[in-house]
């Protein structure tokens, strides 16, 4: 096992499997990622709303990578273990006309700056907001040729905005290309379910990630193994199935169905017993509702009610 480091620049703001890898690693290696904020350092502390309106939105979701993982091939699973995250002490949140869950109500642009004090921020008094940093975007290269903007997430991961992906958690992704070609960015110091105004607390965020390849393991889409002792709710220490799609109800059904499949394949439940368990114990929640036309739904079951399992045991 080796530890590598990769700087943010040059960033990229598209998914494109033809992008040359900036780093080659082996399965089991750790990588220290430097990630700028989602604006690619265009937003800065004290910036005015008028200045914010002038930024180049083609540079949004400035990602660090791609990273080539030796041995990863289509049909494999890439495990990403979030070992640590480090914010830079500041962040921002905005309202953008025409975007957000309540865009018909909030039509005026607005930019708010946060000071991050360790594990909390008191910038929006009288609220004290817990700081639980995570990367909003973690993904592998898509199976398709061409360049695709990063806003819509998908089975490859990407702009999932799943707040459970803080330090201590793991993300499992299907691999579509040789080397996987992993990239990440869009750091958030905190985010509510739905990310309703279009942003979490956007911030520069460095992260240490460990990668493992699991050979010949079919996976329909992202799964999160969440673990966070400071989480204010019971989604900590949970199995989380992540699904994306244009219709919220259908996406929620797909997430529930995939959780049933997971319970059947890994814990030996029958279909109907897994369905019953989901009805009494599943937490079905919106991770993001603002990356139109694609939304993200997370279906979580606490680890406390299931026997311990390694999702993909290491041989």
C-alpha atoms as a PDB file:
ATOM      1  CA  UNK A   1       0.000   0.000   0.000  1.00  0.00           C
ATOM      2  CA  UNK A   2       1.313   3.418  -1.009  1.00  0.00           C
ATOM      3  CA  UNK A   3       0.145   6.954  -0.298  1.00  0.00           C
ATOM      4  CA  UNK A   4      -0.012   9.382  -3.215  1.00  0.00           C
ATOM      5  CA  UNK A   5      -0.907  13.057  -3.533  1.00  0.00           C
ATOM      6  CA  UNK A   6      -2.623  14.887  -6.376  1.00  0.00           C
ATOM      7  CA  UNK A   7      -3.033  18.651  -6.714  1.00  0.00           C
ATOM      8  CA  UNK A   8      -6.259  20.240  -7.847  1.00  0.00           C
ATOM      9  CA  UNK A   9      -4.922  21.883 -10.993  1.00  0.00           C
ATOM     10  CA  UNK A  10      -5.548  21.267 -13.783  1.00  0.00           C
ATOM     11  CA  UNK A  11      -9.175  20.580 -12.894  1.00  0.00           C
ATOM     12  CA  UNK A  12     -11.836  19.315 -15.286  1.00  0.00           C
ATOM     13  CA  UNK A  13     -15.579  19.986 -15.364  1.00  0.00           C
ATOM     14  CA  UNK A  14     -16.821  17.151 -17.584  1.00  0.00           C
ATOM     15  CA  UNK A  15     -17.006  13.369 -17.508  1.00  0.00           C
ATOM     16  CA  UNK A  16     -14.955  12.146 -20.459  1.00  0.00           C
ATOM     17  CA  UNK A  17     -13.311   8.750 -20.558  1.00  0.00           C
ATOM     18  CA  UNK A  18     -10.723  10.035 -23.041  1.00  0.00           C
ATOM     19  CA  UNK A  19      -9.210  12.385 -20.440  1.00  0.00           C
ATOM     20  CA  UNK A  20      -5.652  11.227 -19.669  1.00  0.00           C
ATOM     21  CA  UNK A  21      -5.178  10.022 -16.083  1.00  0.00           C
ATOM     22  CA  UNK A  22      -3.145  12.341 -13.872  1.00  0.00           C
ATOM     23  CA  UNK A  23      -2.184   9.600 -11.439  1.00  0.00           C
ATOM     24  CA  UNK A  24      -1.761   5.797 -11.569  1.00  0.00           C
ATOM     25  CA  UNK A  25      -2.274   3.806  -8.367  1.00  0.00           C
ATOM     26  CA  UNK A  26      -2.672   0.197  -7.245  1.00  0.00           C
ATOM     27  CA  UNK A  27      -5.662  -1.331  -5.514  1.00  0.00           C
ATOM     28  CA  UNK A  28      -5.226  -0.705  -1.785  1.00  0.00           C
ATOM     29  CA  UNK A  29      -3.409   2.615  -2.220  1.00  0.00           C
ATOM     30  CA  UNK A  30      -4.384   5.885  -0.558  1.00  0.00           C
ATOM     31  CA  UNK A  31      -4.576   9.240  -2.322  1.00  0.00           C
ATOM     32  CA  UNK A  32      -4.545  12.708  -0.782  1.00  0.00           C
ATOM     33  CA  UNK A  33      -6.749  14.845  -3.026  1.00  0.00           C
ATOM     34  CA  UNK A  34      -6.544  18.637  -3.151  1.00  0.00           C
ATOM     35  CA  UNK A  35      -9.954  19.948  -4.244  1.00  0.00           C
ATOM     36  CA  UNK A  36     -10.894  23.559  -4.894  1.00  0.00           C
ATOM     37  CA  UNK A  37     -14.455  24.729  -4.262  1.00  0.00           C
ATOM     38  CA  UNK A  38     -17.148  23.980  -6.849  1.00  0.00           C
ATOM     39  CA  UNK A  39     -16.632  27.352  -8.582  1.00  0.00           C
ATOM     40  CA  UNK A  40     -12.995  26.495  -9.373  1.00  0.00           C
ATOM     41  CA  UNK A  41     -11.772  29.235  -6.993  1.00  0.00           C
ATOM     42  CA  UNK A  42     -13.834  31.931  -8.705  1.00  0.00           C
ATOM     43  CA  UNK A  43     -15.764  32.607  -5.473  1.00  0.00           C
ATOM     44  CA  UNK A  44     -13.739  34.037  -2.579  1.00  0.00           C
ATOM     45  CA  UNK A  45     -14.495  35.270   0.965  1.00  0.00           C
ATOM     46  CA  UNK A  46     -16.199  38.655   0.886  1.00  0.00           C
ATOM     47  CA  UNK A  47     -17.199  38.460  -2.779  1.00  0.00           C
ATOM     48  CA  UNK A  48     -20.312  40.469  -3.620  1.00  0.00           C
ATOM     49  CA  UNK A  49     -23.470  39.003  -5.111  1.00  0.00           C
ATOM     50  CA  UNK A  50     -22.868  41.162  -8.188  1.00  0.00           C
ATOM     51  CA  UNK A  51     -19.418  39.633  -8.569  1.00  0.00           C
ATOM     52  CA  UNK A  52     -20.832  36.146  -8.110  1.00  0.00           C
ATOM     53  CA  UNK A  53     -23.211  36.680 -11.014  1.00  0.00           C
ATOM     54  CA  UNK A  54     -20.205  37.180 -13.307  1.00  0.00           C
ATOM     55  CA  UNK A  55     -18.470  33.848 -12.701  1.00  0.00           C
ATOM     56  CA  UNK A  56     -17.997  31.377 -15.553  1.00  0.00           C
ATOM     57  CA  UNK A  57     -20.554  28.619 -14.903  1.00  0.00           C
ATOM     58  CA  UNK A  58     -18.872  26.333 -17.413  1.00  0.00           C
ATOM     59  CA  UNK A  59     -16.179  25.886 -14.764  1.00  0.00           C
ATOM     60  CA  UNK A  60     -18.622  24.703 -12.072  1.00  0.00           C
ATOM     61  CA  UNK A  61     -17.770  21.345 -10.471  1.00  0.00           C
ATOM     62  CA  UNK A  62     -14.028  21.686 -10.833  1.00  0.00           C
ATOM     63  CA  UNK A  63     -12.908  18.085 -10.323  1.00  0.00           C
ATOM     64  CA  UNK A  64      -9.545  16.631  -9.363  1.00  0.00           C
ATOM     65  CA  UNK A  65      -8.436  13.627 -11.423  1.00  0.00           C
ATOM     66  CA  UNK A  66      -8.828  11.333 -13.233  1.00  0.00           C
ATOM     67  CA  UNK A  67      -7.037   8.645 -11.213  1.00  0.00           C
ATOM     68  CA  UNK A  68      -6.268   5.303 -12.870  1.00  0.00           C
ATOM     69  CA  UNK A  69      -6.620   2.290 -10.561  1.00  0.00           C
ATOM     70  CA  UNK A  70      -4.565  -0.662 -11.790  1.00  0.00           C
ATOM     71  CA  UNK A  71      -6.582  -3.809 -12.373  1.00  0.00           C
ATOM     72  CA  UNK A  72      -9.977  -2.089 -12.546  1.00  0.00           C
ATOM     73  CA  UNK A  73     -12.014  -3.238 -15.546  1.00  0.00           C
ATOM     74  CA  UNK A  74     -15.641  -3.083 -16.683  1.00  0.00           C
ATOM     75  CA  UNK A  75     -17.738  -5.378 -14.517  1.00  0.00           C
ATOM     76  CA  UNK A  76     -15.683  -4.726 -11.384  1.00  0.00           C
ATOM     77  CA  UNK A  77     -16.574  -2.637  -8.325  1.00  0.00           C
ATOM     78  CA  UNK A  78     -14.444   0.236  -7.062  1.00  0.00           C
ATOM     79  CA  UNK A  79     -14.541   0.759  -3.292  1.00  0.00           C
ATOM     80  CA  UNK A  80     -13.684   4.277  -2.102  1.00  0.00           C
ATOM     81  CA  UNK A  81     -12.984   4.578   1.620  1.00  0.00           C
ATOM     82  CA  UNK A  82     -13.233   8.178   2.889  1.00  0.00           C
ATOM     83  CA  UNK A  83     -10.449   8.294   5.469  1.00  0.00           C
ATOM     84  CA  UNK A  84     -10.298  12.030   6.203  1.00  0.00           C
ATOM     85  CA  UNK A  85     -11.550  15.441   5.034  1.00  0.00           C
ATOM     86  CA  UNK A  86     -10.062  18.891   5.708  1.00  0.00           C
ATOM     87  CA  UNK A  87     -11.883  22.166   5.042  1.00  0.00           C
ATOM     88  CA  UNK A  88     -10.128  25.518   4.677  1.00  0.00           C
ATOM     89  CA  UNK A  89     -12.174  27.529   7.202  1.00  0.00           C
ATOM     90  CA  UNK A  90     -14.617  29.205   4.839  1.00  0.00           C
ATOM     91  CA  UNK A  91     -17.459  28.445   2.460  1.00  0.00           C
ATOM     92  CA  UNK A  92     -20.377  29.931   0.556  1.00  0.00           C
ATOM     93  CA  UNK A  93     -24.020  29.255  -0.333  1.00  0.00           C
ATOM     94  CA  UNK A  94     -26.046  30.982  -3.029  1.00  0.00           C
ATOM     95  CA  UNK A  95     -29.476  31.534  -4.477  1.00  0.00           C
ATOM     96  CA  UNK A  96     -29.502  31.569  -8.280  1.00  0.00           C
ATOM     97  CA  UNK A  97     -32.498  32.807 -10.266  1.00  0.00           C
ATOM     98  CA  UNK A  98     -34.222  29.943 -12.074  1.00  0.00           C
ATOM     99  CA  UNK A  99     -32.578  27.233  -9.970  1.00  0.00           C
ATOM    100  CA  UNK A 100     -33.450  25.529  -6.688  1.00  0.00           C
ATOM    101  CA  UNK A 101     -36.435  23.641  -5.304  1.00  0.00           C
ATOM    102  CA  UNK A 102     -38.383  26.865  -4.612  1.00  0.00           C
ATOM    103  CA  UNK A 103     -37.251  28.839  -7.662  1.00  0.00           C
ATOM    104  CA  UNK A 104     -40.712  30.383  -8.117  1.00  0.00           C
ATOM    105  CA  UNK A 105     -40.533  31.892  -4.621  1.00  0.00           C
ATOM    106  CA  UNK A 106     -36.867  32.881  -4.445  1.00  0.00           C
ATOM    107  CA  UNK A 107     -36.084  34.760  -7.638  1.00  0.00           C
ATOM    108  CA  UNK A 108     -33.464  37.249  -6.453  1.00  0.00           C
ATOM    109  CA  UNK A 109     -29.801  36.160  -6.536  1.00  0.00           C
ATOM    110  CA  UNK A 110     -27.990  36.026  -3.209  1.00  0.00           C
ATOM    111  CA  UNK A 111     -24.526  35.031  -1.985  1.00  0.00           C
ATOM    112  CA  UNK A 112     -23.820  34.143   1.655  1.00  0.00           C
ATOM    113  CA  UNK A 113     -20.395  33.580   3.210  1.00  0.00           C
ATOM    114  CA  UNK A 114     -19.671  31.162   6.052  1.00  0.00           C
ATOM    115  CA  UNK A 115     -16.819  31.042   8.556  1.00  0.00           C
ATOM    116  CA  UNK A 116     -16.116  27.432   9.524  1.00  0.00           C
ATOM    117  CA  UNK A 117     -14.932  26.983  13.105  1.00  0.00           C
ATOM    118  CA  UNK A 118     -13.721  23.407  13.317  1.00  0.00           C
ATOM    119  CA  UNK A 119     -16.828  21.231  13.532  1.00  0.00           C
ATOM    120  CA  UNK A 120     -19.443  24.022  13.495  1.00  0.00           C
ATOM    121  CA  UNK A 121     -20.326  27.390  12.003  1.00  0.00           C
ATOM    122  CA  UNK A 122     -22.136  30.244  13.748  1.00  0.00           C
ATOM    123  CA  UNK A 123     -22.290  32.505  10.700  1.00  0.00           C
ATOM    124  CA  UNK A 124     -26.078  32.294  10.357  1.00  0.00           C
ATOM    125  CA  UNK A 125     -27.051  33.396  13.877  1.00  0.00           C
ATOM    126  CA  UNK A 126     -28.742  32.262  15.991  1.00  0.00           C
ATOM    127  CA  UNK A 127     -28.287  28.852  14.341  1.00  0.00           C
ATOM    128  CA  UNK A 128     -25.231  26.725  15.108  1.00  0.00           C
ATOM    129  CA  UNK A 129     -24.764  24.450  12.087  1.00  0.00           C
ATOM    130  CA  UNK A 130     -22.695  21.240  12.507  1.00  0.00           C
ATOM    131  CA  UNK A 131     -19.862  20.930   9.987  1.00  0.00           C
ATOM    132  CA  UNK A 132     -19.693  17.433   8.472  1.00  0.00           C
ATOM    133  CA  UNK A 133     -17.528  17.796   5.331  1.00  0.00           C
ATOM    134  CA  UNK A 134     -17.968  15.499   2.353  1.00  0.00           C
ATOM    135  CA  UNK A 135     -17.302  15.488  -1.381  1.00  0.00           C
ATOM    136  CA  UNK A 136     -20.464  16.187  -3.346  1.00  0.00           C
ATOM    137  CA  UNK A 137     -18.967  14.626  -6.477  1.00  0.00           C
ATOM    138  CA  UNK A 138     -17.206  11.263  -6.528  1.00  0.00           C
ATOM    139  CA  UNK A 139     -17.404   9.180  -9.649  1.00  0.00           C
ATOM    140  CA  UNK A 140     -15.799   7.039 -12.302  1.00  0.00           C
ATOM    141  CA  UNK A 141     -15.767   7.718 -16.038  1.00  0.00           C
ATOM    142  CA  UNK A 142     -19.025   6.987 -17.820  1.00  0.00           C
ATOM    143  CA  UNK A 143     -19.382   4.148 -20.312  1.00  0.00           C
ATOM    144  CA  UNK A 144     -20.168   6.515 -23.187  1.00  0.00           C
ATOM    145  CA  UNK A 145     -17.805   8.314 -25.526  1.00  0.00           C
ATOM    146  CA  UNK A 146     -17.896  12.104 -25.389  1.00  0.00           C
ATOM    147  CA  UNK A 147     -17.809  14.923 -22.852  1.00  0.00           C
ATOM    148  CA  UNK A 148     -20.717  15.207 -20.403  1.00  0.00           C
ATOM    149  CA  UNK A 149     -21.350  18.019 -17.951  1.00  0.00           C
ATOM    150  CA  UNK A 150     -21.073  17.003 -14.326  1.00  0.00           C
ATOM    151  CA  UNK A 151     -24.378  18.307 -12.989  1.00  0.00           C
ATOM    152  CA  UNK A 152     -26.475  15.132 -13.557  1.00  0.00           C
ATOM    153  CA  UNK A 153     -25.412  12.151 -11.411  1.00  0.00           C
ATOM    154  CA  UNK A 154     -25.901   8.563 -12.534  1.00  0.00           C
ATOM    155  CA  UNK A 155     -24.973   4.916 -11.938  1.00  0.00           C
ATOM    156  CA  UNK A 156     -21.308   5.951 -12.276  1.00  0.00           C
ATOM    157  CA  UNK A 157     -21.688   8.211  -9.219  1.00  0.00           C
ATOM    158  CA  UNK A 158     -20.852  11.826  -9.935  1.00  0.00           C
ATOM    159  CA  UNK A 159     -22.821  14.700  -8.465  1.00  0.00           C
ATOM    160  CA  UNK A 160     -24.606  12.557  -5.877  1.00  0.00           C
ATOM    161  CA  UNK A 161     -24.654  15.136  -3.045  1.00  0.00           C
ATOM    162  CA  UNK A 162     -25.191  12.336  -0.502  1.00  0.00           C
ATOM    163  CA  UNK A 163     -24.317  13.886   2.845  1.00  0.00           C
ATOM    164  CA  UNK A 164     -23.586  10.505   4.462  1.00  0.00           C
ATOM    165  CA  UNK A 165     -20.308  10.353   2.482  1.00  0.00           C
ATOM    166  CA  UNK A 166     -18.279  12.050   5.223  1.00  0.00           C
ATOM    167  CA  UNK A 167     -15.110  10.640   6.807  1.00  0.00           C
ATOM    168  CA  UNK A 168     -15.555   7.065   7.968  1.00  0.00           C
ATOM    169  CA  UNK A 169     -17.879   6.100   5.132  1.00  0.00           C
ATOM    170  CA  UNK A 170     -17.335   4.039   1.994  1.00  0.00           C
ATOM    171  CA  UNK A 171     -18.703   4.390  -1.527  1.00  0.00           C
ATOM    172  CA  UNK A 172     -19.041   1.454  -3.912  1.00  0.00           C
ATOM    173  CA  UNK A 173     -19.273   2.193  -7.650  1.00  0.00           C
ATOM    174  CA  UNK A 174     -19.556   0.016 -10.757  1.00  0.00           C
ATOM    175  CA  UNK A 175     -16.571   0.278 -13.130  1.00  0.00           C
ATOM    176  CA  UNK A 176     -17.238   1.043 -16.806  1.00  0.00           C
ATOM    177  CA  UNK A 177     -13.742   1.609 -18.173  1.00  0.00           C
ATOM    178  CA  UNK A 178     -10.295   0.119 -17.745  1.00  0.00           C
ATOM    179  CA  UNK A 179      -8.586   1.857 -14.826  1.00  0.00           C
ATOM    180  CA  UNK A 180     -11.978   3.175 -13.576  1.00  0.00           C
ATOM    181  CA  UNK A 181     -10.783   6.809 -14.056  1.00  0.00           C
ATOM    182  CA  UNK A 182     -11.983   8.268 -10.745  1.00  0.00           C
ATOM    183  CA  UNK A 183     -12.449  11.998 -10.127  1.00  0.00           C
ATOM    184  CA  UNK A 184     -13.844  14.004  -7.216  1.00  0.00           C
ATOM    185  CA  UNK A 185     -14.594  17.517  -5.992  1.00  0.00           C
ATOM    186  CA  UNK A 186     -17.499  19.820  -5.055  1.00  0.00           C
ATOM    187  CA  UNK A 187     -16.668  19.881  -1.353  1.00  0.00           C
ATOM    188  CA  UNK A 188     -19.474  20.627   1.091  1.00  0.00           C
ATOM    189  CA  UNK A 189     -18.921  21.563   4.738  1.00  0.00           C
ATOM    190  CA  UNK A 190     -22.580  20.798   5.444  1.00  0.00           C
ATOM    191  CA  UNK A 191     -25.725  20.030   3.490  1.00  0.00           C
ATOM    192  CA  UNK A 192     -29.353  19.343   4.273  1.00  0.00           C
ATOM    193  CA  UNK A 193     -31.380  16.630   2.576  1.00  0.00           C
ATOM    194  CA  UNK A 194     -32.433  17.898  -0.830  1.00  0.00           C
ATOM    195  CA  UNK A 195     -29.861  20.727  -1.023  1.00  0.00           C
ATOM    196  CA  UNK A 196     -32.965  22.811  -1.680  1.00  0.00           C
ATOM    197  CA  UNK A 197     -31.529  26.250  -2.554  1.00  0.00           C
ATOM    198  CA  UNK A 198     -28.995  24.685  -5.032  1.00  0.00           C
ATOM    199  CA  UNK A 199     -25.919  24.660  -2.753  1.00  0.00           C
ATOM    200  CA  UNK A 200     -24.697  23.160   0.471  1.00  0.00           C
ATOM    201  CA  UNK A 201     -21.886  25.050   2.197  1.00  0.00           C
ATOM    202  CA  UNK A 202     -19.572  25.000  -0.827  1.00  0.00           C
ATOM    203  CA  UNK A 203     -15.915  24.990   0.191  1.00  0.00           C
ATOM    204  CA  UNK A 204     -12.400  23.926  -0.763  1.00  0.00           C
ATOM    205  CA  UNK A 205     -12.007  20.445   0.685  1.00  0.00           C
ATOM    206  CA  UNK A 206      -8.999  18.160   0.730  1.00  0.00           C
ATOM    207  CA  UNK A 207      -9.712  14.476   1.226  1.00  0.00           C
ATOM    208  CA  UNK A 208      -7.764  11.282   1.814  1.00  0.00           C
ATOM    209  CA  UNK A 209      -9.331   8.324   0.024  1.00  0.00           C
ATOM    210  CA  UNK A 210      -8.361   4.663  -0.158  1.00  0.00           C
ATOM    211  CA  UNK A 211      -9.239   2.568  -3.199  1.00  0.00           C
ATOM    212  CA  UNK A 212      -9.877  -1.142  -3.597  1.00  0.00           C
ATOM    213  CA  UNK A 213     -10.930  -3.086  -6.689  1.00  0.00           C
ATOM    214  CA  UNK A 214     -13.366  -5.971  -6.283  1.00  0.00           C
ATOM    215  CA  UNK A 215     -13.183  -8.198  -9.357  1.00  0.00           C
ATOM    216  CA  UNK A 216     -16.206  -9.453 -11.265  1.00  0.00           C
ATOM    217  CA  UNK A 217     -18.869  -7.980  -9.010  1.00  0.00           C
ATOM    218  CA  UNK A 218     -22.012  -6.765 -10.755  1.00  0.00           C
ATOM    219  CA  UNK A 219     -23.416  -3.556  -9.281  1.00  0.00           C
ATOM    220  CA  UNK A 220     -26.331  -1.560 -10.675  1.00  0.00           C
ATOM    221  CA  UNK A 221     -25.394   1.746  -9.066  1.00  0.00           C
ATOM    222  CA  UNK A 222     -23.820   3.459  -6.052  1.00  0.00           C
ATOM    223  CA  UNK A 223     -24.010   1.995  -2.562  1.00  0.00           C
ATOM    224  CA  UNK A 224     -22.808   3.863   0.533  1.00  0.00           C
ATOM    225  CA  UNK A 225     -21.611   2.212   3.724  1.00  0.00           C
ATOM    226  CA  UNK A 226     -22.217   5.135   6.077  1.00  0.00           C
ATOM    227  CA  UNK A 227     -20.459   5.528   9.403  1.00  0.00           C
ATOM    228  CA  UNK A 228     -20.344   8.750  11.388  1.00  0.00           C
ATOM    229  CA  UNK A 229     -20.373   8.822  15.176  1.00  0.00           C
ATOM    230  CA  UNK A 230     -21.263  12.537  15.288  1.00  0.00           C
ATOM    231  CA  UNK A 231     -24.252  12.311  12.942  1.00  0.00           C
ATOM    232  CA  UNK A 232     -27.347  13.939  14.487  1.00  0.00           C
ATOM    233  CA  UNK A 233     -29.704  11.249  13.189  1.00  0.00           C
ATOM    234  CA  UNK A 234     -29.945   7.486  12.847  1.00  0.00           C
ATOM    235  CA  UNK A 235     -28.643   7.270   9.279  1.00  0.00           C
ATOM    236  CA  UNK A 236     -25.196   6.949  10.847  1.00  0.00           C
ATOM    237  CA  UNK A 237     -23.827   3.420  10.506  1.00  0.00           C
ATOM    238  CA  UNK A 238     -26.201   2.439   7.732  1.00  0.00           C
ATOM    239  CA  UNK A 239     -26.309   0.748   4.358  1.00  0.00           C
ATOM    240  CA  UNK A 240     -27.471   3.327   1.803  1.00  0.00           C
ATOM    241  CA  UNK A 241     -28.599   2.578  -1.748  1.00  0.00           C
ATOM    242  CA  UNK A 242     -28.405   5.620  -4.047  1.00  0.00           C
ATOM    243  CA  UNK A 243     -30.595   5.980  -7.113  1.00  0.00           C
ATOM    244  CA  UNK A 244     -31.004   8.820  -9.623  1.00  0.00           C
ATOM    245  CA  UNK A 245     -33.694   9.638 -12.168  1.00  0.00           C
ATOM    246  CA  UNK A 246     -36.006  12.312 -13.582  1.00  0.00           C
ATOM    247  CA  UNK A 247     -39.149  11.271 -11.658  1.00  0.00           C
ATOM    248  CA  UNK A 248     -38.924  11.392  -7.860  1.00  0.00           C
ATOM    249  CA  UNK A 249     -41.524   8.685  -7.232  1.00  0.00           C
ATOM    250  CA  UNK A 250     -40.020   6.290  -9.762  1.00  0.00           C
ATOM    251  CA  UNK A 251     -36.529   6.986  -8.446  1.00  0.00           C
ATOM    252  CA  UNK A 252     -37.701   6.257  -4.886  1.00  0.00           C
ATOM    253  CA  UNK A 253     -39.227   2.982  -6.107  1.00  0.00           C
ATOM    254  CA  UNK A 254     -35.962   2.064  -7.838  1.00  0.00           C
ATOM    255  CA  UNK A 255     -33.955   2.774  -4.666  1.00  0.00           C
ATOM    256  CA  UNK A 256     -36.336   0.677  -2.583  1.00  0.00           C
ATOM    257  CA  UNK A 257     -36.190  -2.182  -5.079  1.00  0.00           C
ATOM    258  CA  UNK A 258     -32.386  -2.121  -5.105  1.00  0.00           C
ATOM    259  CA  UNK A 259     -32.351  -2.224  -1.293  1.00  0.00           C
ATOM    260  CA  UNK A 260     -34.574  -5.297  -1.421  1.00  0.00           C
ATOM    261  CA  UNK A 261     -32.144  -6.898  -3.887  1.00  0.00           C
ATOM    262  CA  UNK A 262     -29.249  -6.077  -1.535  1.00  0.00           C
ATOM    263  CA  UNK A 263     -31.018  -7.620   1.467  1.00  0.00           C
ATOM    264  CA  UNK A 264     -31.774 -10.761  -0.532  1.00  0.00           C
ATOM    265  CA  UNK A 265     -28.275 -11.168  -2.001  1.00  0.00           C
ATOM    266  CA  UNK A 266     -26.214 -10.294   1.080  1.00  0.00           C
ATOM    267  CA  UNK A 267     -28.389 -11.247   4.064  1.00  0.00           C
ATOM    268  CA  UNK A 268     -30.444 -14.107   2.649  1.00  0.00           C
ATOM    269  CA  UNK A 269     -33.913 -12.621   3.051  1.00  0.00           C
ATOM    270  CA  UNK A 270     -36.704 -13.742   0.774  1.00  0.00           C
ATOM    271  CA  UNK A 271     -38.084 -11.024  -1.487  1.00  0.00           C
ATOM    272  CA  UNK A 272     -41.241 -10.593   0.562  1.00  0.00           C
ATOM    273  CA  UNK A 273     -39.409 -10.524   3.911  1.00  0.00           C
ATOM    274  CA  UNK A 274     -37.009  -7.896   2.544  1.00  0.00           C
ATOM    275  CA  UNK A 275     -40.043  -5.884   1.396  1.00  0.00           C
ATOM    276  CA  UNK A 276     -41.570  -6.123   4.875  1.00  0.00           C
ATOM    277  CA  UNK A 277     -38.306  -5.046   6.502  1.00  0.00           C
ATOM    278  CA  UNK A 278     -38.100  -2.013   4.231  1.00  0.00           C
ATOM    279  CA  UNK A 279     -41.641  -1.070   5.187  1.00  0.00           C
ATOM    280  CA  UNK A 280     -40.804  -0.993   8.908  1.00  0.00           C
ATOM    281  CA  UNK A 281     -37.151   0.144   8.921  1.00  0.00           C
ATOM    282  CA  UNK A 282     -36.177   1.879   5.644  1.00  0.00           C
ATOM    283  CA  UNK A 283     -35.337   5.589   5.659  1.00  0.00           C
ATOM    284  CA  UNK A 284     -36.240   6.947   2.224  1.00  0.00           C
ATOM    285  CA  UNK A 285     -34.959  10.456   1.690  1.00  0.00           C
ATOM    286  CA  UNK A 286     -34.163  13.024  -0.983  1.00  0.00           C
ATOM    287  CA  UNK A 287     -30.410  13.613  -1.218  1.00  0.00           C
ATOM    288  CA  UNK A 288     -30.825  16.293  -3.875  1.00  0.00           C
ATOM    289  CA  UNK A 289     -33.887  17.683  -5.679  1.00  0.00           C
ATOM    290  CA  UNK A 290     -32.239  20.552  -7.550  1.00  0.00           C
ATOM    291  CA  UNK A 291     -30.066  19.043 -10.294  1.00  0.00           C
ATOM    292  CA  UNK A 292     -32.970  19.056 -12.717  1.00  0.00           C
ATOM    293  CA  UNK A 293     -33.981  17.009 -14.566  1.00  0.00           C
ATOM    294  CA  UNK A 294     -32.201  14.363 -12.443  1.00  0.00           C
ATOM    295  CA  UNK A 295     -32.940  13.841  -8.746  1.00  0.00           C
ATOM    296  CA  UNK A 296     -31.175  11.636  -6.186  1.00  0.00           C
ATOM    297  CA  UNK A 297     -32.957   9.423  -3.656  1.00  0.00           C
ATOM    298  CA  UNK A 298     -31.196   7.508  -0.858  1.00  0.00           C
ATOM    299  CA  UNK A 299     -32.661   4.422   0.796  1.00  0.00           C
ATOM    300  CA  UNK A 300     -30.979   3.610   4.130  1.00  0.00           C
ATOM    301  CA  UNK A 301     -31.222   0.768   6.625  1.00  0.00           C
ATOM    302  CA  UNK A 302     -29.376   1.025   9.926  1.00  0.00           C
ATOM    303  CA  UNK A 303     -26.554  -1.445  10.501  1.00  0.00           C
ATOM    304  CA  UNK A 304     -27.907  -1.921  14.023  1.00  0.00           C
ATOM    305  CA  UNK A 305     -30.730  -4.137  12.767  1.00  0.00           C
ATOM    306  CA  UNK A 306     -28.632  -6.362  10.471  1.00  0.00           C
ATOM    307  CA  UNK A 307     -25.803  -8.849  11.116  1.00  0.00           C
ATOM    308  CA  UNK A 308     -22.352  -7.539  10.256  1.00  0.00           C
ATOM    309  CA  UNK A 309     -21.360  -8.112   6.625  1.00  0.00           C
ATOM    310  CA  UNK A 310     -18.527  -7.196   4.306  1.00  0.00           C
ATOM    311  CA  UNK A 311     -20.305  -6.154   1.152  1.00  0.00           C
ATOM    312  CA  UNK A 312     -17.401  -7.290  -1.009  1.00  0.00           C
ATOM    313  CA  UNK A 313     -15.040  -9.442   1.112  1.00  0.00           C
ATOM    314  CA  UNK A 314     -11.350  -9.058   0.365  1.00  0.00           C
ATOM    315  CA  UNK A 315      -9.949 -12.356  -0.910  1.00  0.00           C
END
